[in-house]
Amino acid sequence: MEGILYKWTNYMTGWQPRWFVLENGVISYYDSEDDVGKGSKGSIKMSVCDIKGCSPRPLFVT
């Protein structure tokens, strides 16, 4: 599964679109879909995550 999600970067630029790829239980992100072949900017093993909704924004997760 892959597609665009918005990632908080910092207070200067705020939320930025990033290309995310979920594969084999690991979610990785890239600046854009074109950057997938260049290696990820970061990745998280989902089995060690605790994902929660971010109230009052039901479409946000932390």
N, C-alpha and C. Protein backbone atom coordinates (compact mmCIF):
# COMPACT_ATOMS: atom_id res chain seq x y z
N MET A 1 0.86 -1.16 0.00
CA MET A 1 0.00 0.00 0.00
C MET A 1 0.91 1.23 0.00
N GLU A 2 0.54 2.23 -0.80
CA GLU A 2 1.35 3.44 -0.85
C GLU A 2 0.50 4.64 -1.25
N GLY A 3 0.98 5.82 -0.89
CA GLY A 3 0.27 7.04 -1.25
C GLY A 3 0.76 8.22 -0.45
N ILE A 4 0.12 9.36 -0.66
CA ILE A 4 0.52 10.61 -0.01
C ILE A 4 -0.16 10.74 1.35
N LEU A 5 0.63 11.08 2.35
CA LEU A 5 0.16 11.48 3.68
C LEU A 5 0.87 12.79 4.02
N TYR A 6 0.33 13.53 4.95
CA TYR A 6 0.97 14.77 5.38
C TYR A 6 1.72 14.52 6.67
N LYS A 7 2.99 14.93 6.70
CA LYS A 7 3.87 14.73 7.85
C LYS A 7 4.26 16.09 8.41
N TRP A 8 4.19 16.21 9.73
CA TRP A 8 4.62 17.44 10.39
C TRP A 8 6.13 17.52 10.27
N THR A 9 6.63 18.63 9.74
CA THR A 9 8.07 18.78 9.58
C THR A 9 8.66 19.71 10.65
N ASN A 10 8.16 20.93 10.73
CA ASN A 10 8.61 21.88 11.76
C ASN A 10 7.68 23.09 11.74
N TYR A 11 7.90 24.00 12.65
CA TYR A 11 7.01 25.16 12.76
C TYR A 11 7.17 26.14 11.61
N MET A 12 8.28 26.11 10.90
CA MET A 12 8.48 27.01 9.76
C MET A 12 7.68 26.55 8.54
N THR A 13 7.66 25.24 8.28
CA THR A 13 7.00 24.73 7.07
C THR A 13 5.73 23.95 7.36
N GLY A 14 5.51 23.57 8.62
CA GLY A 14 4.27 22.88 9.00
C GLY A 14 4.12 21.51 8.38
N TRP A 15 2.90 21.20 7.94
CA TRP A 15 2.56 19.90 7.37
C TRP A 15 2.98 19.86 5.91
N GLN A 16 3.72 18.83 5.53
CA GLN A 16 4.21 18.68 4.16
C GLN A 16 3.78 17.33 3.59
N PRO A 17 3.39 17.30 2.31
CA PRO A 17 3.04 16.01 1.70
C PRO A 17 4.28 15.15 1.54
N ARG A 18 4.16 13.90 1.87
CA ARG A 18 5.24 12.92 1.70
C ARG A 18 4.65 11.66 1.08
N TRP A 19 5.46 10.92 0.37
CA TRP A 19 5.04 9.65 -0.22
C TRP A 19 5.37 8.55 0.79
N PHE A 20 4.35 7.82 1.23
CA PHE A 20 4.52 6.74 2.20
C PHE A 20 4.29 5.40 1.54
N VAL A 21 5.09 4.41 1.95
CA VAL A 21 4.96 3.04 1.45
C VAL A 21 4.90 2.11 2.65
N LEU A 22 3.85 1.29 2.71
CA LEU A 22 3.71 0.27 3.75
C LEU A 22 3.98 -1.08 3.10
N GLU A 23 5.04 -1.74 3.56
CA GLU A 23 5.44 -3.01 2.97
C GLU A 23 6.07 -3.89 4.04
N ASN A 24 5.59 -5.11 4.15
CA ASN A 24 6.12 -6.08 5.11
C ASN A 24 6.14 -5.54 6.54
N GLY A 25 5.11 -4.82 6.93
CA GLY A 25 4.99 -4.32 8.29
C GLY A 25 5.85 -3.11 8.61
N VAL A 26 6.45 -2.49 7.59
CA VAL A 26 7.28 -1.31 7.79
C VAL A 26 6.71 -0.18 6.93
N ILE A 27 6.51 0.99 7.54
CA ILE A 27 6.07 2.16 6.78
C ILE A 27 7.28 3.07 6.59
N SER A 28 7.56 3.40 5.35
CA SER A 28 8.70 4.25 5.00
C SER A 28 8.18 5.48 4.28
N TYR A 29 8.93 6.59 4.37
CA TYR A 29 8.47 7.79 3.67
C TYR A 29 9.60 8.43 2.86
N TYR A 30 9.15 9.15 1.83
CA TYR A 30 10.03 9.76 0.85
C TYR A 30 9.48 11.15 0.55
N ASP A 31 10.32 12.02 -0.01
CA ASP A 31 9.84 13.35 -0.40
C ASP A 31 8.75 13.26 -1.46
N SER A 32 8.90 12.31 -2.39
CA SER A 32 7.92 12.14 -3.46
C SER A 32 7.98 10.71 -3.97
N GLU A 33 7.01 10.34 -4.78
CA GLU A 33 6.98 9.00 -5.37
C GLU A 33 8.23 8.75 -6.21
N ASP A 34 8.73 9.78 -6.86
CA ASP A 34 9.93 9.65 -7.70
C ASP A 34 11.19 9.32 -6.90
N ASP A 35 11.18 9.58 -5.60
CA ASP A 35 12.36 9.36 -4.75
C ASP A 35 12.44 7.96 -4.16
N VAL A 36 11.47 7.11 -4.43
CA VAL A 36 11.45 5.77 -3.82
C VAL A 36 12.73 5.00 -4.13
N GLY A 37 13.25 5.09 -5.33
CA GLY A 37 14.47 4.38 -5.70
C GLY A 37 15.73 4.92 -5.05
N LYS A 38 15.65 6.09 -4.44
CA LYS A 38 16.82 6.73 -3.82
C LYS A 38 17.00 6.37 -2.35
N GLY A 39 16.04 5.65 -1.77
CA GLY A 39 16.10 5.31 -0.35
C GLY A 39 15.20 6.21 0.47
N SER A 40 14.68 5.66 1.55
CA SER A 40 13.70 6.39 2.35
C SER A 40 14.36 7.46 3.21
N LYS A 41 13.56 8.46 3.58
CA LYS A 41 14.00 9.49 4.53
C LYS A 41 13.85 9.01 5.96
N GLY A 42 12.99 7.99 6.13
CA GLY A 42 12.76 7.41 7.45
C GLY A 42 11.81 6.23 7.34
N SER A 43 11.82 5.39 8.36
CA SER A 43 10.92 4.24 8.36
C SER A 43 10.60 3.84 9.80
N ILE A 44 9.46 3.19 9.96
CA ILE A 44 8.99 2.77 11.28
C ILE A 44 8.45 1.35 11.16
N LYS A 45 8.89 0.48 12.05
CA LYS A 45 8.36 -0.88 12.11
C LYS A 45 7.03 -0.82 12.84
N MET A 46 5.96 -1.16 12.15
CA MET A 46 4.62 -0.99 12.69
C MET A 46 4.33 -1.87 13.91
N SER A 47 5.01 -2.99 14.04
CA SER A 47 4.74 -3.89 15.17
C SER A 47 5.16 -3.29 16.51
N VAL A 48 5.98 -2.26 16.51
CA VAL A 48 6.40 -1.63 17.76
C VAL A 48 5.72 -0.28 17.99
N CYS A 49 4.71 0.05 17.16
CA CYS A 49 4.01 1.33 17.26
C CYS A 49 2.75 1.22 18.09
N ASP A 50 2.39 2.34 18.68
CA ASP A 50 1.12 2.51 19.36
C ASP A 50 0.45 3.70 18.68
N ILE A 51 -0.47 3.42 17.76
CA ILE A 51 -1.09 4.47 16.95
C ILE A 51 -2.39 4.92 17.59
N LYS A 52 -2.53 6.23 17.76
CA LYS A 52 -3.71 6.80 18.40
C LYS A 52 -4.26 7.93 17.54
N GLY A 53 -5.57 8.10 17.58
CA GLY A 53 -6.20 9.25 16.94
C GLY A 53 -5.83 10.52 17.68
N CYS A 54 -5.80 11.62 16.98
CA CYS A 54 -5.38 12.89 17.56
C CYS A 54 -6.61 13.80 17.69
N SER A 55 -7.22 13.82 18.85
CA SER A 55 -8.41 14.63 19.10
C SER A 55 -8.00 16.09 19.19
N PRO A 56 -8.72 17.03 18.67
CA PRO A 56 -10.04 16.96 18.05
C PRO A 56 -9.99 16.75 16.54
N ARG A 57 -8.86 16.32 16.01
CA ARG A 57 -8.71 16.10 14.56
C ARG A 57 -8.78 14.60 14.28
N PRO A 58 -9.95 14.08 13.95
CA PRO A 58 -10.12 12.63 13.84
C PRO A 58 -9.32 11.99 12.70
N LEU A 59 -8.84 12.75 11.75
CA LEU A 59 -8.07 12.17 10.65
C LEU A 59 -6.57 12.23 10.88
N PHE A 60 -6.14 12.71 12.04
CA PHE A 60 -4.73 12.80 12.38
C PHE A 60 -4.38 11.64 13.30
N VAL A 61 -3.14 11.16 13.19
CA VAL A 61 -2.65 10.13 14.12
C VAL A 61 -1.32 10.60 14.70
N THR A 62 -1.03 10.09 15.88
CA THR A 62 0.26 10.39 16.52
C THR A 62 0.94 9.11 16.89
